[in-house]
Amino acid sequence: MGISKVWVFAESAGGKATSNTLELLTKARELGGVVEAFYVGGDAAAIAPALGEHGASKVHAYDPGDTLAGATAAAALAGAIATEQPDVILFAGSYDGRDAVGRLSARMD
């Protein structure tokens, strides 16, 4: 069984995609299959072009509003995983990435 869909947990800082996110998208292209991004933040339209330039064919966006992203992002991501069923999800070792992946792991057992 090959990898048909790779997601990257996309992050931004200062209205731009982080370098970690862009590097993960570039690596995801090497894994094969469709590359998509799951972005948590209010400015998805602003960073979507950069995500696309680095390989994302689709951006799943979730705006947590004024709440901390980790808990609500994990819940939104778990729901999206259930319907979209990516084969692999890549997370950066950033504070937000570690928070979201830890909560997601606990939520999905």
N, C-alpha and C. Protein backbone atom coordinates (compact mmCIF):
# COMPACT_ATOMS: atom_id res chain seq x y z
N MET A 1 0.84 -1.18 0.00
CA MET A 1 0.00 0.00 0.00
C MET A 1 0.88 1.24 0.00
N GLY A 2 0.73 2.10 -0.99
CA GLY A 2 1.52 3.31 -1.09
C GLY A 2 0.85 4.48 -0.39
N ILE A 3 1.54 5.58 -0.41
CA ILE A 3 1.00 6.81 0.18
C ILE A 3 0.26 7.56 -0.91
N SER A 4 -1.02 7.77 -0.71
CA SER A 4 -1.79 8.48 -1.73
C SER A 4 -2.13 9.91 -1.31
N LYS A 5 -2.15 10.19 0.00
CA LYS A 5 -2.49 11.55 0.45
C LYS A 5 -1.65 11.91 1.67
N VAL A 6 -0.89 13.00 1.54
CA VAL A 6 -0.05 13.50 2.62
C VAL A 6 -0.57 14.86 3.02
N TRP A 7 -0.78 15.05 4.31
CA TRP A 7 -1.16 16.36 4.84
C TRP A 7 0.00 16.96 5.61
N VAL A 8 0.06 18.28 5.59
CA VAL A 8 1.02 19.02 6.39
C VAL A 8 0.23 19.96 7.29
N PHE A 9 0.51 19.91 8.59
CA PHE A 9 -0.10 20.84 9.53
C PHE A 9 0.61 22.17 9.32
N ALA A 10 -0.08 23.11 8.70
CA ALA A 10 0.53 24.38 8.29
C ALA A 10 0.40 25.43 9.39
N GLU A 11 1.46 26.18 9.58
CA GLU A 11 1.49 27.25 10.58
C GLU A 11 1.94 28.55 9.93
N SER A 12 1.59 29.66 10.58
CA SER A 12 2.02 30.96 10.07
C SER A 12 2.56 31.81 11.20
N ALA A 13 3.32 32.82 10.81
CA ALA A 13 3.83 33.83 11.74
C ALA A 13 3.92 35.13 10.98
N GLY A 14 3.35 36.17 11.53
CA GLY A 14 3.41 37.47 10.86
C GLY A 14 2.70 37.49 9.52
N GLY A 15 1.66 36.70 9.39
CA GLY A 15 0.88 36.69 8.14
C GLY A 15 1.50 35.88 7.01
N LYS A 16 2.57 35.14 7.30
CA LYS A 16 3.24 34.32 6.28
C LYS A 16 3.40 32.90 6.80
N ALA A 17 3.42 31.95 5.87
CA ALA A 17 3.67 30.57 6.25
C ALA A 17 5.06 30.46 6.85
N THR A 18 5.20 29.65 7.89
CA THR A 18 6.51 29.49 8.52
C THR A 18 7.44 28.70 7.61
N SER A 19 8.72 28.87 7.82
CA SER A 19 9.70 28.13 7.01
C SER A 19 9.57 26.63 7.27
N ASN A 20 9.24 26.24 8.51
CA ASN A 20 9.03 24.82 8.80
C ASN A 20 7.90 24.25 7.96
N THR A 21 6.82 24.99 7.82
CA THR A 21 5.69 24.54 7.02
C THR A 21 6.09 24.36 5.56
N LEU A 22 6.81 25.32 5.02
CA LEU A 22 7.21 25.24 3.61
C LEU A 22 8.19 24.09 3.38
N GLU A 23 9.07 23.85 4.35
CA GLU A 23 10.00 22.73 4.24
C GLU A 23 9.26 21.39 4.30
N LEU A 24 8.26 21.30 5.17
CA LEU A 24 7.48 20.06 5.25
C LEU A 24 6.69 19.81 3.97
N LEU A 25 6.16 20.86 3.37
CA LEU A 25 5.44 20.70 2.10
C LEU A 25 6.38 20.20 1.02
N THR A 26 7.58 20.74 0.98
CA THR A 26 8.56 20.30 0.00
C THR A 26 8.91 18.83 0.22
N LYS A 27 9.09 18.42 1.46
CA LYS A 27 9.39 17.02 1.76
C LYS A 27 8.19 16.12 1.43
N ALA A 28 6.99 16.61 1.69
CA ALA A 28 5.78 15.83 1.41
C ALA A 28 5.67 15.49 -0.08
N ARG A 29 6.10 16.40 -0.94
CA ARG A 29 6.06 16.12 -2.39
C ARG A 29 6.93 14.92 -2.73
N GLU A 30 8.02 14.72 -2.01
CA GLU A 30 8.92 13.60 -2.27
C GLU A 30 8.29 12.26 -1.88
N LEU A 31 7.33 12.29 -0.97
CA LEU A 31 6.69 11.06 -0.51
C LEU A 31 5.70 10.50 -1.52
N GLY A 32 5.29 11.34 -2.46
CA GLY A 32 4.36 10.90 -3.49
C GLY A 32 2.92 11.16 -3.11
N GLY A 33 2.05 11.00 -4.06
CA GLY A 33 0.63 11.21 -3.82
C GLY A 33 0.25 12.67 -3.78
N VAL A 34 -0.96 12.91 -3.35
CA VAL A 34 -1.52 14.25 -3.25
C VAL A 34 -1.02 14.90 -1.96
N VAL A 35 -0.61 16.16 -2.06
CA VAL A 35 -0.15 16.91 -0.89
C VAL A 35 -1.18 17.99 -0.58
N GLU A 36 -1.64 18.02 0.67
CA GLU A 36 -2.61 19.02 1.11
C GLU A 36 -2.14 19.60 2.43
N ALA A 37 -2.63 20.79 2.75
CA ALA A 37 -2.27 21.44 4.01
C ALA A 37 -3.50 21.58 4.88
N PHE A 38 -3.31 21.47 6.18
CA PHE A 38 -4.36 21.76 7.15
C PHE A 38 -3.88 22.95 7.95
N TYR A 39 -4.52 24.10 7.74
CA TYR A 39 -4.07 25.35 8.34
C TYR A 39 -5.02 25.81 9.43
N VAL A 40 -4.46 26.18 10.55
CA VAL A 40 -5.23 26.71 11.66
C VAL A 40 -4.84 28.17 11.84
N GLY A 41 -5.77 29.05 11.58
CA GLY A 41 -5.53 30.48 11.72
C GLY A 41 -6.56 31.28 10.96
N GLY A 42 -6.56 32.57 11.18
CA GLY A 42 -7.57 33.43 10.58
C GLY A 42 -7.20 34.00 9.23
N ASP A 43 -5.98 33.82 8.78
CA ASP A 43 -5.53 34.45 7.55
C ASP A 43 -5.20 33.43 6.46
N ALA A 44 -6.05 32.44 6.31
CA ALA A 44 -5.79 31.35 5.35
C ALA A 44 -5.62 31.87 3.93
N ALA A 45 -6.42 32.84 3.52
CA ALA A 45 -6.33 33.37 2.16
C ALA A 45 -4.97 34.03 1.91
N ALA A 46 -4.36 34.57 2.96
CA ALA A 46 -3.08 35.24 2.80
C ALA A 46 -1.93 34.25 2.61
N ILE A 47 -1.98 33.09 3.26
CA ILE A 47 -0.85 32.16 3.14
C ILE A 47 -1.10 31.04 2.13
N ALA A 48 -2.33 30.89 1.67
CA ALA A 48 -2.64 29.81 0.72
C ALA A 48 -1.76 29.83 -0.54
N PRO A 49 -1.49 31.00 -1.14
CA PRO A 49 -0.64 31.00 -2.34
C PRO A 49 0.76 30.41 -2.08
N ALA A 50 1.36 30.73 -0.95
CA ALA A 50 2.69 30.19 -0.63
C ALA A 50 2.61 28.69 -0.41
N LEU A 51 1.54 28.24 0.22
CA LEU A 51 1.37 26.80 0.43
C LEU A 51 1.24 26.08 -0.90
N GLY A 52 0.50 26.68 -1.82
CA GLY A 52 0.34 26.10 -3.16
C GLY A 52 1.65 26.07 -3.93
N GLU A 53 2.43 27.13 -3.82
CA GLU A 53 3.72 27.19 -4.51
C GLU A 53 4.68 26.11 -4.03
N HIS A 54 4.49 25.66 -2.80
CA HIS A 54 5.37 24.63 -2.24
C HIS A 54 4.76 23.23 -2.30
N GLY A 55 3.63 23.09 -3.01
CA GLY A 55 3.13 21.76 -3.27
C GLY A 55 1.73 21.41 -2.81
N ALA A 56 1.12 22.25 -1.98
CA ALA A 56 -0.23 21.93 -1.50
C ALA A 56 -1.25 22.12 -2.62
N SER A 57 -1.99 21.06 -2.93
CA SER A 57 -3.02 21.16 -3.96
C SER A 57 -4.34 21.64 -3.36
N LYS A 58 -4.44 21.57 -2.03
CA LYS A 58 -5.67 21.98 -1.34
C LYS A 58 -5.27 22.45 0.06
N VAL A 59 -5.98 23.46 0.56
CA VAL A 59 -5.73 23.94 1.91
C VAL A 59 -7.04 23.80 2.70
N HIS A 60 -7.00 22.97 3.72
CA HIS A 60 -8.12 22.84 4.65
C HIS A 60 -7.87 23.89 5.72
N ALA A 61 -8.80 24.80 5.90
CA ALA A 61 -8.58 25.91 6.84
C ALA A 61 -9.56 25.83 8.01
N TYR A 62 -9.04 26.15 9.18
CA TYR A 62 -9.85 26.21 10.40
C TYR A 62 -9.43 27.45 11.17
N ASP A 63 -10.39 28.29 11.50
CA ASP A 63 -10.13 29.52 12.24
C ASP A 63 -10.57 29.32 13.70
N PRO A 64 -9.62 29.26 14.64
CA PRO A 64 -9.98 29.04 16.04
C PRO A 64 -10.47 30.30 16.75
N GLY A 65 -10.50 31.41 16.05
CA GLY A 65 -10.91 32.67 16.68
C GLY A 65 -9.88 33.11 17.70
N ASP A 66 -10.35 33.51 18.87
CA ASP A 66 -9.46 34.03 19.91
C ASP A 66 -8.97 32.95 20.88
N THR A 67 -9.31 31.69 20.61
CA THR A 67 -8.89 30.62 21.51
C THR A 67 -7.49 30.13 21.15
N LEU A 68 -6.86 29.44 22.07
CA LEU A 68 -5.58 28.82 21.76
C LEU A 68 -5.81 27.72 20.75
N ALA A 69 -4.96 27.62 19.80
CA ALA A 69 -5.18 26.74 18.65
C ALA A 69 -5.11 25.26 18.97
N GLY A 70 -4.29 24.83 19.89
CA GLY A 70 -4.02 23.42 20.11
C GLY A 70 -5.23 22.53 20.29
N ALA A 71 -6.06 22.83 21.29
CA ALA A 71 -7.20 21.96 21.60
C ALA A 71 -8.25 21.98 20.50
N THR A 72 -8.61 23.16 20.03
CA THR A 72 -9.64 23.23 19.00
C THR A 72 -9.11 22.72 17.66
N ALA A 73 -7.83 22.94 17.40
CA ALA A 73 -7.24 22.43 16.16
C ALA A 73 -7.25 20.92 16.14
N ALA A 74 -6.94 20.29 17.26
CA ALA A 74 -6.93 18.84 17.33
C ALA A 74 -8.33 18.29 17.07
N ALA A 75 -9.35 18.93 17.62
CA ALA A 75 -10.73 18.49 17.39
C ALA A 75 -11.11 18.64 15.93
N ALA A 76 -10.79 19.79 15.35
CA ALA A 76 -11.12 20.02 13.94
C ALA A 76 -10.34 19.07 13.04
N LEU A 77 -9.10 18.85 13.36
CA LEU A 77 -8.26 17.96 12.56
C LEU A 77 -8.76 16.52 12.65
N ALA A 78 -9.17 16.09 13.82
CA ALA A 78 -9.70 14.73 13.98
C ALA A 78 -10.94 14.53 13.11
N GLY A 79 -11.81 15.54 13.07
CA GLY A 79 -12.99 15.45 12.22
C GLY A 79 -12.64 15.39 10.75
N ALA A 80 -11.68 16.20 10.35
CA ALA A 80 -11.25 16.22 8.95
C ALA A 80 -10.58 14.90 8.56
N ILE A 81 -9.82 14.34 9.47
CA ILE A 81 -9.16 13.05 9.20
C ILE A 81 -10.20 11.96 8.98
N ALA A 82 -11.26 11.99 9.78
CA ALA A 82 -12.30 10.97 9.66
C ALA A 82 -12.97 11.00 8.29
N THR A 83 -13.13 12.19 7.72
CA THR A 83 -13.80 12.27 6.42
C THR A 83 -12.84 12.19 5.25
N GLU A 84 -11.66 12.78 5.37
CA GLU A 84 -10.72 12.87 4.25
C GLU A 84 -9.71 11.71 4.22
N GLN A 85 -9.41 11.13 5.35
CA GLN A 85 -8.53 9.97 5.50
C GLN A 85 -7.15 10.11 4.84
N PRO A 86 -6.35 11.08 5.29
CA PRO A 86 -4.98 11.15 4.77
C PRO A 86 -4.17 9.95 5.26
N ASP A 87 -3.16 9.57 4.50
CA ASP A 87 -2.30 8.45 4.88
C ASP A 87 -1.23 8.88 5.88
N VAL A 88 -0.75 10.12 5.75
CA VAL A 88 0.33 10.63 6.58
C VAL A 88 0.04 12.10 6.88
N ILE A 89 0.35 12.52 8.11
CA ILE A 89 0.26 13.94 8.47
C ILE A 89 1.60 14.34 9.06
N LEU A 90 2.19 15.39 8.52
CA LEU A 90 3.48 15.88 8.99
C LEU A 90 3.26 17.12 9.86
N PHE A 91 3.93 17.15 11.01
CA PHE A 91 3.86 18.28 11.94
C PHE A 91 5.27 18.79 12.19
N ALA A 92 5.40 20.10 12.32
CA ALA A 92 6.69 20.68 12.70
C ALA A 92 6.89 20.48 14.19
N GLY A 93 8.11 20.56 14.64
CA GLY A 93 8.44 20.44 16.06
C GLY A 93 8.27 21.75 16.81
N SER A 94 7.41 22.63 16.32
CA SER A 94 7.15 23.91 16.96
C SER A 94 6.23 23.72 18.16
N TYR A 95 6.02 24.78 18.94
CA TYR A 95 5.11 24.69 20.08
C TYR A 95 3.70 24.31 19.62
N ASP A 96 3.20 24.98 18.59
CA ASP A 96 1.85 24.69 18.10
C ASP A 96 1.76 23.30 17.49
N GLY A 97 2.79 22.91 16.74
CA GLY A 97 2.79 21.58 16.13
C GLY A 97 2.79 20.48 17.18
N ARG A 98 3.65 20.62 18.19
CA ARG A 98 3.70 19.61 19.25
C ARG A 98 2.41 19.58 20.06
N ASP A 99 1.84 20.75 20.31
CA ASP A 99 0.59 20.82 21.06
C ASP A 99 -0.53 20.13 20.29
N ALA A 100 -0.65 20.46 19.02
CA ALA A 100 -1.73 19.89 18.20
C ALA A 100 -1.56 18.38 18.02
N VAL A 101 -0.36 17.90 17.73
CA VAL A 101 -0.17 16.48 17.49
C VAL A 101 -0.36 15.67 18.79
N GLY A 102 0.06 16.22 19.91
CA GLY A 102 -0.16 15.53 21.18
C GLY A 102 -1.64 15.40 21.50
N ARG A 103 -2.37 16.48 21.34
CA ARG A 103 -3.81 16.44 21.61
C ARG A 103 -4.53 15.55 20.60
N LEU A 104 -4.10 15.61 19.35
CA LEU A 104 -4.70 14.76 18.32
C LEU A 104 -4.46 13.28 18.64
N SER A 105 -3.26 12.96 19.04
CA SER A 105 -2.93 11.59 19.38
C SER A 105 -3.80 11.08 20.53
N ALA A 106 -3.98 11.89 21.55
CA ALA A 106 -4.83 11.50 22.67
C ALA A 106 -6.28 11.35 22.24
N ARG A 107 -6.74 12.24 21.38
CA ARG A 107 -8.13 12.21 20.91
C ARG A 107 -8.39 10.97 20.06
N MET A 108 -7.42 10.59 19.24
CA MET A 108 -7.62 9.47 18.32
C MET A 108 -7.15 8.14 18.90
N ASP A 109 -6.61 8.17 20.11
CA ASP A 109 -6.13 6.98 20.80
C ASP A 109 -5.00 6.32 20.04
